[in-house]
């Protein structure tokens, strides 16, 4: 199960769309950024840059303790690698996908 710390923003939507498309089980943990909940110590332990989205993977590949990931691009890459989906393994396909991933982080908002 993945906990998705979420607010209805473009970056929050990116992660929820990926989770749905990949068929991963997840629970939405709303973060009310209008009330400043992103500055709460518990949330900062997961997302030290005080931004959503962030995830906690309670069943990471290989086992062990939960893994937290922040920043939309890092989350998308983490989930792609976890599921083996949406990230080609061939050089050209992987390169093109990573180019678009980087673009969405800096160019899409």
PDB file of N, CA and C in Angstrom:
ATOM      1  N   UNK A   1       0.845  -1.182   0.000  1.00  0.00           N
ATOM      2  CA  UNK A   1       0.000   0.000   0.000  1.00  0.00           C
ATOM      3  C   UNK A   1       0.883   1.236   0.000  1.00  0.00           C
ATOM      4  N   UNK A   2       0.487   2.195  -0.809  1.00  0.00           N
ATOM      5  CA  UNK A   2       1.208   3.458  -0.902  1.00  0.00           C
ATOM      6  C   UNK A   2       0.322   4.546  -0.322  1.00  0.00           C
ATOM      7  N   UNK A   3       0.884   5.355   0.537  1.00  0.00           N
ATOM      8  CA  UNK A   3       0.195   6.539   1.044  1.00  0.00           C
ATOM      9  C   UNK A   3       0.580   7.706   0.154  1.00  0.00           C
ATOM     10  N   UNK A   4      -0.422   8.348  -0.440  1.00  0.00           N
ATOM     11  CA  UNK A   4      -0.211   9.502  -1.304  1.00  0.00           C
ATOM     12  C   UNK A   4      -0.621  10.756  -0.550  1.00  0.00           C
ATOM     13  N   UNK A   5       0.347  11.580  -0.231  1.00  0.00           N
ATOM     14  CA  UNK A   5       0.087  12.863   0.417  1.00  0.00           C
ATOM     15  C   UNK A   5      -0.202  13.857  -0.698  1.00  0.00           C
ATOM     16  N   UNK A   6      -1.422  14.358  -0.704  1.00  0.00           N
ATOM     17  CA  UNK A   6      -2.011  14.935  -1.908  1.00  0.00           C
ATOM     18  C   UNK A   6      -2.770  16.225  -1.615  1.00  0.00           C
ATOM     19  N   UNK A   7      -2.720  17.105  -2.585  1.00  0.00           N
ATOM     20  CA  UNK A   7      -3.630  18.243  -2.689  1.00  0.00           C
ATOM     21  C   UNK A   7      -3.997  18.335  -4.170  1.00  0.00           C
ATOM     22  N   UNK A   8      -5.169  18.853  -4.483  1.00  0.00           N
ATOM     23  CA  UNK A   8      -5.616  18.879  -5.885  1.00  0.00           C
ATOM     24  C   UNK A   8      -4.892  19.944  -6.706  1.00  0.00           C
ATOM     25  N   UNK A   9      -3.655  19.639  -7.043  1.00  0.00           N
ATOM     26  CA  UNK A   9      -2.823  20.502  -7.868  1.00  0.00           C
ATOM     27  C   UNK A   9      -2.336  19.677  -9.059  1.00  0.00           C
ATOM     28  N   UNK A  10      -1.801  20.307 -10.098  1.00  0.00           N
ATOM     29  CA  UNK A  10      -1.281  19.511 -11.216  1.00  0.00           C
ATOM     30  C   UNK A  10      -0.265  18.459 -10.792  1.00  0.00           C
ATOM     31  N   UNK A  11       0.631  18.787  -9.894  1.00  0.00           N
ATOM     32  CA  UNK A  11       1.623  17.802  -9.462  1.00  0.00           C
ATOM     33  C   UNK A  11       0.983  16.670  -8.673  1.00  0.00           C
ATOM     34  N   UNK A  12      -0.017  16.989  -7.866  1.00  0.00           N
ATOM     35  CA  UNK A  12      -0.743  15.943  -7.159  1.00  0.00           C
ATOM     36  C   UNK A  12      -1.479  15.022  -8.115  1.00  0.00           C
ATOM     37  N   UNK A  13      -2.075  15.585  -9.138  1.00  0.00           N
ATOM     38  CA  UNK A  13      -2.812  14.777 -10.120  1.00  0.00           C
ATOM     39  C   UNK A  13      -1.889  13.825 -10.870  1.00  0.00           C
ATOM     40  N   UNK A  14      -0.678  14.271 -11.175  1.00  0.00           N
ATOM     41  CA  UNK A  14       0.254  13.412 -11.919  1.00  0.00           C
ATOM     42  C   UNK A  14       0.462  12.074 -11.212  1.00  0.00           C
ATOM     43  N   UNK A  15       0.617  12.137  -9.909  1.00  0.00           N
ATOM     44  CA  UNK A  15       0.896  10.916  -9.155  1.00  0.00           C
ATOM     45  C   UNK A  15      -0.354  10.056  -9.042  1.00  0.00           C
ATOM     46  N   UNK A  16      -1.492  10.668  -8.786  1.00  0.00           N
ATOM     47  CA  UNK A  16      -2.717   9.871  -8.676  1.00  0.00           C
ATOM     48  C   UNK A  16      -3.047   9.206 -10.013  1.00  0.00           C
ATOM     49  N   UNK A  17      -2.791   9.888 -11.122  1.00  0.00           N
ATOM     50  CA  UNK A  17      -3.021   9.288 -12.439  1.00  0.00           C
ATOM     51  C   UNK A  17      -2.098   8.081 -12.624  1.00  0.00           C
ATOM     52  N   UNK A  18      -0.824   8.212 -12.278  1.00  0.00           N
ATOM     53  CA  UNK A  18       0.102   7.088 -12.413  1.00  0.00           C
ATOM     54  C   UNK A  18      -0.366   5.910 -11.567  1.00  0.00           C
ATOM     55  N   UNK A  19      -0.727   6.166 -10.320  1.00  0.00           N
ATOM     56  CA  UNK A  19      -1.152   5.086  -9.435  1.00  0.00           C
ATOM     57  C   UNK A  19      -2.371   4.356  -9.996  1.00  0.00           C
ATOM     58  N   UNK A  20      -3.309   5.112 -10.552  1.00  0.00           N
ATOM     59  CA  UNK A  20      -4.496   4.504 -11.158  1.00  0.00           C
ATOM     60  C   UNK A  20      -4.113   3.679 -12.384  1.00  0.00           C
ATOM     61  N   UNK A  21      -3.310   4.248 -13.264  1.00  0.00           N
ATOM     62  CA  UNK A  21      -2.911   3.553 -14.487  1.00  0.00           C
ATOM     63  C   UNK A  21      -2.115   2.285 -14.188  1.00  0.00           C
ATOM     64  N   UNK A  22      -1.302   2.323 -13.147  1.00  0.00           N
ATOM     65  CA  UNK A  22      -0.487   1.165 -12.788  1.00  0.00           C
ATOM     66  C   UNK A  22      -1.272   0.143 -11.973  1.00  0.00           C
ATOM     67  N   UNK A  23      -2.446   0.520 -11.485  1.00  0.00           N
ATOM     68  CA  UNK A  23      -3.251  -0.395 -10.682  1.00  0.00           C
ATOM     69  C   UNK A  23      -2.669  -0.669  -9.305  1.00  0.00           C
ATOM     70  N   UNK A  24      -1.893   0.289  -8.793  1.00  0.00           N
ATOM     71  CA  UNK A  24      -1.302   0.116  -7.470  1.00  0.00           C
ATOM     72  C   UNK A  24      -2.302   0.497  -6.381  1.00  0.00           C
ATOM     73  N   UNK A  25      -2.350  -0.266  -5.307  1.00  0.00           N
ATOM     74  CA  UNK A  25      -3.217   0.132  -4.197  1.00  0.00           C
ATOM     75  C   UNK A  25      -2.614   1.331  -3.470  1.00  0.00           C
ATOM     76  N   UNK A  26      -3.470   2.297  -3.175  1.00  0.00           N
ATOM     77  CA  UNK A  26      -2.984   3.489  -2.479  1.00  0.00           C
ATOM     78  C   UNK A  26      -4.094   4.120  -1.663  1.00  0.00           C
ATOM     79  N   UNK A  27      -3.678   4.907  -0.705  1.00  0.00           N
ATOM     80  CA  UNK A  27      -4.601   5.660   0.133  1.00  0.00           C
ATOM     81  C   UNK A  27      -4.227   7.129   0.021  1.00  0.00           C
ATOM     82  N   UNK A  28      -5.219   7.961  -0.208  1.00  0.00           N
ATOM     83  CA  UNK A  28      -4.989   9.404  -0.296  1.00  0.00           C
ATOM     84  C   UNK A  28      -4.948   9.979   1.110  1.00  0.00           C
ATOM     85  N   UNK A  29      -3.911  10.729   1.367  1.00  0.00           N
ATOM     86  CA  UNK A  29      -3.745  11.443   2.637  1.00  0.00           C
ATOM     87  C   UNK A  29      -3.783  12.931   2.299  1.00  0.00           C
ATOM     88  N   UNK A  30      -4.951  13.558   2.401  1.00  0.00           N
ATOM     89  CA  UNK A  30      -5.056  14.965   2.012  1.00  0.00           C
ATOM     90  C   UNK A  30      -4.144  15.864   2.847  1.00  0.00           C
ATOM     91  N   UNK A  31      -3.539  16.821   2.175  1.00  0.00           N
ATOM     92  CA  UNK A  31      -2.726  17.846   2.825  1.00  0.00           C
ATOM     93  C   UNK A  31      -3.351  19.183   2.446  1.00  0.00           C
ATOM     94  N   UNK A  32      -3.894  19.879   3.423  1.00  0.00           N
ATOM     95  CA  UNK A  32      -4.544  21.154   3.163  1.00  0.00           C
ATOM     96  C   UNK A  32      -3.476  22.249   3.144  1.00  0.00           C
ATOM     97  N   UNK A  33      -3.023  22.584   1.932  1.00  0.00           N
ATOM     98  CA  UNK A  33      -1.954  23.575   1.816  1.00  0.00           C
ATOM     99  C   UNK A  33      -2.460  24.980   2.120  1.00  0.00           C
ATOM    100  N   UNK A  34      -3.765  25.200   2.027  1.00  0.00           N
ATOM    101  CA  UNK A  34      -4.347  26.496   2.395  1.00  0.00           C
ATOM    102  C   UNK A  34      -4.254  26.771   3.889  1.00  0.00           C
ATOM    103  N   UNK A  35      -4.224  25.702   4.666  1.00  0.00           N
ATOM    104  CA  UNK A  35      -4.115  25.817   6.124  1.00  0.00           C
ATOM    105  C   UNK A  35      -2.684  25.643   6.614  1.00  0.00           C
ATOM    106  N   UNK A  36      -1.758  25.405   5.691  1.00  0.00           N
ATOM    107  CA  UNK A  36      -0.354  25.269   6.068  1.00  0.00           C
ATOM    108  C   UNK A  36       0.030  23.905   6.599  1.00  0.00           C
ATOM    109  N   UNK A  37      -0.787  22.880   6.309  1.00  0.00           N
ATOM    110  CA  UNK A  37      -0.487  21.544   6.820  1.00  0.00           C
ATOM    111  C   UNK A  37       0.830  20.990   6.280  1.00  0.00           C
ATOM    112  N   UNK A  38       1.332  21.553   5.183  1.00  0.00           N
ATOM    113  CA  UNK A  38       2.595  21.078   4.613  1.00  0.00           C
ATOM    114  C   UNK A  38       3.799  21.456   5.479  1.00  0.00           C
ATOM    115  N   UNK A  39       3.567  22.280   6.497  1.00  0.00           N
ATOM    116  CA  UNK A  39       4.651  22.671   7.395  1.00  0.00           C
ATOM    117  C   UNK A  39       4.635  21.876   8.705  1.00  0.00           C
ATOM    118  N   UNK A  40       3.706  20.949   8.844  1.00  0.00           N
ATOM    119  CA  UNK A  40       3.630  20.133  10.058  1.00  0.00           C
ATOM    120  C   UNK A  40       4.850  19.217  10.135  1.00  0.00           C
ATOM    121  N   UNK A  41       5.401  19.047  11.325  1.00  0.00           N
ATOM    122  CA  UNK A  41       6.598  18.207  11.466  1.00  0.00           C
ATOM    123  C   UNK A  41       6.436  16.800  10.897  1.00  0.00           C
ATOM    124  N   UNK A  42       5.267  16.179  11.070  1.00  0.00           N
ATOM    125  CA  UNK A  42       5.062  14.829  10.535  1.00  0.00           C
ATOM    126  C   UNK A  42       5.168  14.818   9.008  1.00  0.00           C
ATOM    127  N   UNK A  43       4.623  15.852   8.358  1.00  0.00           N
ATOM    128  CA  UNK A  43       4.707  15.914   6.906  1.00  0.00           C
ATOM    129  C   UNK A  43       6.130  16.250   6.456  1.00  0.00           C
ATOM    130  N   UNK A  44       6.800  17.127   7.160  1.00  0.00           N
ATOM    131  CA  UNK A  44       8.176  17.491   6.804  1.00  0.00           C
ATOM    132  C   UNK A  44       9.130  16.297   6.904  1.00  0.00           C
ATOM    133  N   UNK A  45       8.799  15.323   7.754  1.00  0.00           N
ATOM    134  CA  UNK A  45       9.622  14.117   7.837  1.00  0.00           C
ATOM    135  C   UNK A  45       9.523  13.301   6.551  1.00  0.00           C
ATOM    136  N   UNK A  46       8.428  13.463   5.816  1.00  0.00           N
ATOM    137  CA  UNK A  46       8.210  12.752   4.555  1.00  0.00           C
ATOM    138  C   UNK A  46       8.665  13.605   3.375  1.00  0.00           C
ATOM    139  N   UNK A  47       8.344  14.881   3.429  1.00  0.00           N
ATOM    140  CA  UNK A  47       8.658  15.812   2.337  1.00  0.00           C
ATOM    141  C   UNK A  47       9.379  17.030   2.912  1.00  0.00           C
ATOM    142  N   UNK A  48      10.694  16.951   3.042  1.00  0.00           N
ATOM    143  CA  UNK A  48      11.432  18.031   3.697  1.00  0.00           C
ATOM    144  C   UNK A  48      11.392  19.374   2.973  1.00  0.00           C
ATOM    145  N   UNK A  49      10.932  19.399   1.719  1.00  0.00           N
ATOM    146  CA  UNK A  49      10.798  20.678   1.024  1.00  0.00           C
ATOM    147  C   UNK A  49       9.410  21.277   1.210  1.00  0.00           C
ATOM    148  N   UNK A  50       8.600  20.699   2.071  1.00  0.00           N
ATOM    149  CA  UNK A  50       7.250  21.133   2.448  1.00  0.00           C
ATOM    150  C   UNK A  50       6.294  21.273   1.274  1.00  0.00           C
ATOM    151  N   UNK A  51       6.412  20.365   0.304  1.00  0.00           N
ATOM    152  CA  UNK A  51       5.541  20.430  -0.864  1.00  0.00           C
ATOM    153  C   UNK A  51       4.887  19.084  -1.111  1.00  0.00           C
ATOM    154  N   UNK A  52       3.714  19.168  -1.721  1.00  0.00           N
ATOM    155  CA  UNK A  52       3.063  17.952  -2.191  1.00  0.00           C
ATOM    156  C   UNK A  52       3.358  17.825  -3.667  1.00  0.00           C
ATOM    157  N   UNK A  53       3.297  16.663  -4.215  1.00  0.00           N
ATOM    158  CA  UNK A  53       2.949  15.392  -3.604  1.00  0.00           C
ATOM    159  C   UNK A  53       4.146  14.752  -2.929  1.00  0.00           C
ATOM    160  N   UNK A  54       3.835  13.771  -2.123  1.00  0.00           N
ATOM    161  CA  UNK A  54       4.838  12.900  -1.522  1.00  0.00           C
ATOM    162  C   UNK A  54       4.170  11.543  -1.339  1.00  0.00           C
ATOM    163  N   UNK A  55       4.976  10.516  -1.294  1.00  0.00           N
ATOM    164  CA  UNK A  55       4.427   9.180  -1.054  1.00  0.00           C
ATOM    165  C   UNK A  55       5.226   8.480   0.032  1.00  0.00           C
ATOM    166  N   UNK A  56       4.578   7.516   0.653  1.00  0.00           N
ATOM    167  CA  UNK A  56       5.254   6.548   1.505  1.00  0.00           C
ATOM    168  C   UNK A  56       4.861   5.187   0.966  1.00  0.00           C
ATOM    169  N   UNK A  57       5.860   4.438   0.535  1.00  0.00           N
ATOM    170  CA  UNK A  57       5.646   3.083   0.045  1.00  0.00           C
ATOM    171  C   UNK A  57       5.850   2.147   1.229  1.00  0.00           C
ATOM    172  N   UNK A  58       4.750   1.579   1.715  1.00  0.00           N
ATOM    173  CA  UNK A  58       4.807   0.707   2.880  1.00  0.00           C
ATOM    174  C   UNK A  58       5.241  -0.710   2.542  1.00  0.00           C
ATOM    175  N   UNK A  59       5.364  -1.006   1.258  1.00  0.00           N
ATOM    176  CA  UNK A  59       5.819  -2.333   0.813  1.00  0.00           C
ATOM    177  C   UNK A  59       6.838  -2.159  -0.312  1.00  0.00           C
ATOM    178  N   UNK A  60       8.006  -1.579   0.014  1.00  0.00           N
ATOM    179  CA  UNK A  60       8.990  -1.341  -1.048  1.00  0.00           C
ATOM    180  C   UNK A  60       9.553  -2.643  -1.613  1.00  0.00           C
ATOM    181  N   UNK A  61      10.010  -2.566  -2.844  1.00  0.00           N
ATOM    182  CA  UNK A  61      10.653  -3.718  -3.469  1.00  0.00           C
ATOM    183  C   UNK A  61      11.825  -4.159  -2.597  1.00  0.00           C
ATOM    184  N   UNK A  62      11.947  -5.429  -2.391  1.00  0.00           N
ATOM    185  CA  UNK A  62      13.036  -5.944  -1.564  1.00  0.00           C
ATOM    186  C   UNK A  62      12.724  -5.964  -0.083  1.00  0.00           C
ATOM    187  N   UNK A  63      11.546  -5.458   0.302  1.00  0.00           N
ATOM    188  CA  UNK A  63      11.157  -5.461   1.709  1.00  0.00           C
ATOM    189  C   UNK A  63      11.794  -4.337   2.494  1.00  0.00           C
ATOM    190  N   UNK A  64      11.825  -4.494   3.777  1.00  0.00           N
ATOM    191  CA  UNK A  64      12.412  -3.492   4.656  1.00  0.00           C
ATOM    192  C   UNK A  64      11.402  -2.437   5.070  1.00  0.00           C
ATOM    193  N   UNK A  65      11.903  -1.420   5.749  1.00  0.00           N
ATOM    194  CA  UNK A  65      11.008  -0.371   6.250  1.00  0.00           C
ATOM    195  C   UNK A  65      10.419   0.456   5.104  1.00  0.00           C
ATOM    196  N   UNK A  66       9.338   1.184   5.395  1.00  0.00           N
ATOM    197  CA  UNK A  66       8.731   2.036   4.370  1.00  0.00           C
ATOM    198  C   UNK A  66       9.732   3.026   3.785  1.00  0.00           C
ATOM    199  N   UNK A  67       9.474   3.393   2.522  1.00  0.00           N
ATOM    200  CA  UNK A  67      10.310   4.359   1.807  1.00  0.00           C
ATOM    201  C   UNK A  67       9.451   5.575   1.498  1.00  0.00           C
ATOM    202  N   UNK A  68       9.954   6.757   1.846  1.00  0.00           N
ATOM    203  CA  UNK A  68       9.251   7.986   1.479  1.00  0.00           C
ATOM    204  C   UNK A  68       9.964   8.635   0.301  1.00  0.00           C
ATOM    205  N   UNK A  69       9.161   9.239  -0.581  1.00  0.00           N
ATOM    206  CA  UNK A  69       9.699   9.902  -1.776  1.00  0.00           C
ATOM    207  C   UNK A  69       8.940  11.207  -1.956  1.00  0.00           C
ATOM    208  N   UNK A  70       9.663  12.289  -2.222  1.00  0.00           N
ATOM    209  CA  UNK A  70       9.025  13.570  -2.513  1.00  0.00           C
ATOM    210  C   UNK A  70       9.499  14.068  -3.866  1.00  0.00           C
ATOM    211  N   UNK A  71       8.807  15.060  -4.406  1.00  0.00           N
ATOM    212  CA  UNK A  71       9.015  15.633  -5.736  1.00  0.00           C
ATOM    213  C   UNK A  71       8.381  14.744  -6.800  1.00  0.00           C
ATOM    214  N   UNK A  72       7.540  15.343  -7.626  1.00  0.00           N
ATOM    215  CA  UNK A  72       6.744  14.573  -8.583  1.00  0.00           C
ATOM    216  C   UNK A  72       7.595  13.742  -9.533  1.00  0.00           C
ATOM    217  N   UNK A  73       8.671  14.280 -10.070  1.00  0.00           N
ATOM    218  CA  UNK A  73       9.508  13.528 -10.985  1.00  0.00           C
ATOM    219  C   UNK A  73      10.159  12.331 -10.308  1.00  0.00           C
ATOM    220  N   UNK A  74      10.655  12.528  -9.100  1.00  0.00           N
ATOM    221  CA  UNK A  74      11.278  11.427  -8.358  1.00  0.00           C
ATOM    222  C   UNK A  74      10.241  10.354  -8.033  1.00  0.00           C
ATOM    223  N   UNK A  75       9.027  10.768  -7.701  1.00  0.00           N
ATOM    224  CA  UNK A  75       7.967   9.808  -7.400  1.00  0.00           C
ATOM    225  C   UNK A  75       7.614   9.009  -8.646  1.00  0.00           C
ATOM    226  N   UNK A  76       7.442   9.687  -9.779  1.00  0.00           N
ATOM    227  CA  UNK A  76       7.097   8.984 -11.014  1.00  0.00           C
ATOM    228  C   UNK A  76       8.179   7.980 -11.399  1.00  0.00           C
ATOM    229  N   UNK A  77       9.430   8.370 -11.276  1.00  0.00           N
ATOM    230  CA  UNK A  77      10.530   7.467 -11.594  1.00  0.00           C
ATOM    231  C   UNK A  77      10.554   6.288 -10.623  1.00  0.00           C
ATOM    232  N   UNK A  78      10.378   6.549  -9.347  1.00  0.00           N
ATOM    233  CA  UNK A  78      10.350   5.496  -8.337  1.00  0.00           C
ATOM    234  C   UNK A  78       9.242   4.483  -8.641  1.00  0.00           C
ATOM    235  N   UNK A  79       8.050   4.998  -8.925  1.00  0.00           N
ATOM    236  CA  UNK A  79       6.923   4.106  -9.190  1.00  0.00           C
ATOM    237  C   UNK A  79       7.107   3.314 -10.486  1.00  0.00           C
ATOM    238  N   UNK A  80       7.685   3.956 -11.506  1.00  0.00           N
ATOM    239  CA  UNK A  80       7.947   3.245 -12.760  1.00  0.00           C
ATOM    240  C   UNK A  80       8.925   2.106 -12.527  1.00  0.00           C
ATOM    241  N   UNK A  81       9.959   2.360 -11.755  1.00  0.00           N
ATOM    242  CA  UNK A  81      10.938   1.321 -11.471  1.00  0.00           C
ATOM    243  C   UNK A  81      10.340   0.240 -10.580  1.00  0.00           C
ATOM    244  N   UNK A  82       9.500   0.609  -9.632  1.00  0.00           N
ATOM    245  CA  UNK A  82       8.856  -0.363  -8.746  1.00  0.00           C
ATOM    246  C   UNK A  82       7.960  -1.307  -9.530  1.00  0.00           C
ATOM    247  N   UNK A  83       7.193  -0.759 -10.464  1.00  0.00           N
ATOM    248  CA  UNK A  83       6.212  -1.566 -11.182  1.00  0.00           C
ATOM    249  C   UNK A  83       6.754  -2.195 -12.454  1.00  0.00           C
ATOM    250  N   UNK A  84       7.865  -1.669 -12.966  1.00  0.00           N
ATOM    251  CA  UNK A  84       8.369  -2.145 -14.251  1.00  0.00           C
ATOM    252  C   UNK A  84       7.504  -1.686 -15.409  1.00  0.00           C
ATOM    253  N   UNK A  85       6.761  -0.605 -15.205  1.00  0.00           N
ATOM    254  CA  UNK A  85       5.857  -0.097 -16.240  1.00  0.00           C
ATOM    255  C   UNK A  85       6.199   1.351 -16.576  1.00  0.00           C
ATOM    256  N   UNK A  86       5.903   1.720 -17.802  1.00  0.00           N
ATOM    257  CA  UNK A  86       5.985   3.103 -18.286  1.00  0.00           C
ATOM    258  C   UNK A  86       7.400   3.653 -18.400  1.00  0.00           C
ATOM    259  N   UNK A  87       8.406   2.820 -18.229  1.00  0.00           N
ATOM    260  CA  UNK A  87       9.795   3.250 -18.382  1.00  0.00           C
ATOM    261  C   UNK A  87      10.529   2.182 -19.180  1.00  0.00           C
ATOM    262  N   UNK A  88      10.751   2.437 -20.458  1.00  0.00           N
ATOM    263  CA  UNK A  88      11.421   1.442 -21.290  1.00  0.00           C
ATOM    264  C   UNK A  88      12.812   1.098 -20.758  1.00  0.00           C
ATOM    265  N   UNK A  89      13.265  -0.086 -21.094  1.00  0.00           N
ATOM    266  CA  UNK A  89      14.606  -0.495 -20.686  1.00  0.00           C
ATOM    267  C   UNK A  89      15.635  -0.265 -21.786  1.00  0.00           C
ATOM    268  N   UNK A  90      15.162  -0.106 -23.042  1.00  0.00           N
ATOM    269  CA  UNK A  90      16.117   0.139 -24.132  1.00  0.00           C
ATOM    270  C   UNK A  90      16.609   1.589 -24.062  1.00  0.00           C
ATOM    271  N   UNK A  91      17.824   1.812 -24.505  1.00  0.00           N
ATOM    272  CA  UNK A  91      18.494   3.108 -24.402  1.00  0.00           C
ATOM    273  C   UNK A  91      17.661   4.250 -24.960  1.00  0.00           C
ATOM    274  N   UNK A  92      17.200   4.128 -26.181  1.00  0.00           N
ATOM    275  CA  UNK A  92      16.481   5.227 -26.830  1.00  0.00           C
ATOM    276  C   UNK A  92      15.120   5.483 -26.194  1.00  0.00           C
ATOM    277  N   UNK A  93      14.411   4.422 -25.902  1.00  0.00           N
ATOM    278  CA  UNK A  93      13.107   4.581 -25.264  1.00  0.00           C
ATOM    279  C   UNK A  93      13.220   5.178 -23.876  1.00  0.00           C
ATOM    280  N   UNK A  94      14.180   4.684 -23.090  1.00  0.00           N
ATOM    281  CA  UNK A  94      14.390   5.212 -21.737  1.00  0.00           C
ATOM    282  C   UNK A  94      14.817   6.679 -21.795  1.00  0.00           C
ATOM    283  N   UNK A  95      15.726   6.998 -22.707  1.00  0.00           N
ATOM    284  CA  UNK A  95      16.189   8.381 -22.836  1.00  0.00           C
ATOM    285  C   UNK A  95      15.041   9.305 -23.192  1.00  0.00           C
ATOM    286  N   UNK A  96      14.229   8.934 -24.168  1.00  0.00           N
ATOM    287  CA  UNK A  96      13.085   9.769 -24.562  1.00  0.00           C
ATOM    288  C   UNK A  96      12.106   9.939 -23.410  1.00  0.00           C
ATOM    289  N   UNK A  97      11.854   8.863 -22.676  1.00  0.00           N
ATOM    290  CA  UNK A  97      10.923   8.946 -21.544  1.00  0.00           C
ATOM    291  C   UNK A  97      11.476   9.858 -20.459  1.00  0.00           C
ATOM    292  N   UNK A  98      12.752   9.737 -20.152  1.00  0.00           N
ATOM    293  CA  UNK A  98      13.353  10.596 -19.130  1.00  0.00           C
ATOM    294  C   UNK A  98      13.390  12.057 -19.569  1.00  0.00           C
ATOM    295  N   UNK A  99      13.575  12.300 -20.863  1.00  0.00           N
ATOM    296  CA  UNK A  99      13.513  13.684 -21.355  1.00  0.00           C
ATOM    297  C   UNK A  99      12.143  14.281 -21.065  1.00  0.00           C
ATOM    298  N   UNK A 100      11.086  13.527 -21.370  1.00  0.00           N
ATOM    299  CA  UNK A 100       9.732  14.029 -21.132  1.00  0.00           C
ATOM    300  C   UNK A 100       9.421  14.134 -19.643  1.00  0.00           C
ATOM    301  N   UNK A 101       9.991  13.244 -18.856  1.00  0.00           N
ATOM    302  CA  UNK A 101       9.820  13.335 -17.403  1.00  0.00           C
ATOM    303  C   UNK A 101      10.431  14.632 -16.895  1.00  0.00           C
ATOM    304  N   UNK A 102      11.648  14.925 -17.331  1.00  0.00           N
ATOM    305  CA  UNK A 102      12.295  16.165 -16.899  1.00  0.00           C
ATOM    306  C   UNK A 102      11.534  17.390 -17.396  1.00  0.00           C
ATOM    307  N   UNK A 103      11.006  17.309 -18.613  1.00  0.00           N
ATOM    308  CA  UNK A 103      10.219  18.416 -19.133  1.00  0.00           C
ATOM    309  C   UNK A 103       8.979  18.663 -18.293  1.00  0.00           C
ATOM    310  N   UNK A 104       8.285  17.599 -17.910  1.00  0.00           N
ATOM    311  CA  UNK A 104       7.070  17.798 -17.134  1.00  0.00           C
ATOM    312  C   UNK A 104       7.381  18.409 -15.777  1.00  0.00           C
ATOM    313  N   UNK A 105       8.556  18.118 -15.236  1.00  0.00           N
ATOM    314  CA  UNK A 105       8.916  18.687 -13.944  1.00  0.00           C
ATOM    315  C   UNK A 105       9.158  20.189 -14.033  1.00  0.00           C
ATOM    316  N   UNK A 106       9.858  20.600 -15.081  1.00  0.00           N
ATOM    317  CA  UNK A 106      10.207  22.017 -15.197  1.00  0.00           C
ATOM    318  C   UNK A 106       9.328  22.812 -16.133  1.00  0.00           C
ATOM    319  N   UNK A 107       8.678  22.155 -17.087  1.00  0.00           N
ATOM    320  CA  UNK A 107       7.944  22.884 -18.107  1.00  0.00           C
ATOM    321  C   UNK A 107       6.439  22.862 -17.982  1.00  0.00           C
ATOM    322  N   UNK A 108       5.892  21.836 -17.316  1.00  0.00           N
ATOM    323  CA  UNK A 108       4.449  21.704 -17.269  1.00  0.00           C
ATOM    324  C   UNK A 108       3.833  22.342 -16.048  1.00  0.00           C
ATOM    325  N   UNK A 109       4.517  22.290 -14.919  1.00  0.00           N
ATOM    326  CA  UNK A 109       3.971  22.883 -13.692  1.00  0.00           C
ATOM    327  C   UNK A 109       3.232  21.891 -12.858  1.00  0.00           C
TER     328      UNK A 109
END
